[in-house]
Structures are given as C-alpha cells and as structure tokens.
C-alpha cells in the first residue's frame, strides 16, 4: 500500500493531492476498515507484561 501511494506521488506530482497527513490517515483507515473484526491491534494502552 505504501509503495503504491509513494509511486503515485512521484509519478503525478502535479495532481492536487491532499496534505500528506490527511492522505496517510485516509489510506490507513481505509486499509484497517477492510480487516476482519478483531484482527486490527487495539489503539488502547498496552496490557501489562505477563509475570514469569
């Protein structure tokens, strides 16, 4: 996915692209929306490490 966006940015520099942050967020949100429920990592805090 990143390679495709990078290639397009290089190949079409005169295209009226949105700012990079907006473009990146949209691409990642679109990618994450296509994942099956529960397969994307949680955006919440990481759980504490398991004690050995």
Protein backbone atom coordinates (compact mmCIF):
# COMPACT_ATOMS: atom_id res chain seq x y z
CA UNK A 1 0.00 0.00 0.00
CA UNK A 2 2.75 2.47 0.92
CA UNK A 3 4.63 1.70 -2.28
CA UNK A 4 1.56 2.46 -4.38
CA UNK A 5 0.97 5.81 -2.73
CA UNK A 6 4.65 6.71 -2.99
CA UNK A 7 4.73 5.74 -6.66
CA UNK A 8 1.68 7.86 -7.40
CA UNK A 9 3.09 10.86 -5.54
CA UNK A 10 6.29 10.62 -7.60
CA UNK A 11 4.58 9.87 -10.93
CA UNK A 12 1.88 12.53 -10.59
CA UNK A 13 3.46 15.47 -8.75
CA UNK A 14 1.05 17.97 -10.33
CA UNK A 15 -2.06 16.12 -9.14
CA UNK A 16 -3.87 18.12 -6.44
CA UNK A 17 -3.03 15.69 -3.63
CA UNK A 18 -4.32 16.39 -0.10
CA UNK A 19 -1.69 17.13 2.51
CA UNK A 20 0.42 14.08 3.38
CA UNK A 21 -1.03 13.61 6.87
CA UNK A 22 -4.60 13.53 5.53
CA UNK A 23 -3.58 11.18 2.72
CA UNK A 24 -1.79 8.82 5.12
CA UNK A 25 -4.63 8.75 7.63
CA UNK A 26 -7.19 8.09 4.91
CA UNK A 27 -5.12 5.27 3.41
CA UNK A 28 -4.55 3.59 6.78
CA UNK A 29 -8.18 4.00 7.87
CA UNK A 30 -9.36 2.50 4.56
CA UNK A 31 -6.93 -0.40 4.94
CA UNK A 32 -7.98 -1.03 8.56
CA UNK A 33 -11.69 -0.92 7.65
CA UNK A 34 -11.15 -3.86 5.28
CA UNK A 35 -9.65 -6.07 8.00
CA UNK A 36 -11.90 -8.63 9.71
CA UNK A 37 -13.28 -7.53 13.07
CA UNK A 38 -10.84 -8.16 15.90
CA UNK A 39 -7.79 -8.57 13.67
CA UNK A 40 -6.57 -4.98 13.94
CA UNK A 41 -4.48 -4.16 17.01
CA UNK A 42 -6.19 -2.19 19.74
CA UNK A 43 -5.41 1.52 19.88
CA UNK A 44 -5.75 1.46 23.65
CA UNK A 45 -2.91 1.17 26.13
CA UNK A 46 -0.79 -1.95 26.01
CA UNK A 47 -1.56 -4.57 28.67
CA UNK A 48 0.98 -5.02 31.44
CA UNK A 49 3.66 -7.65 30.76
CA UNK A 50 2.88 -11.17 32.00
CA UNK A 51 4.85 -12.15 35.06
CA UNK A 52 7.06 -15.18 34.64
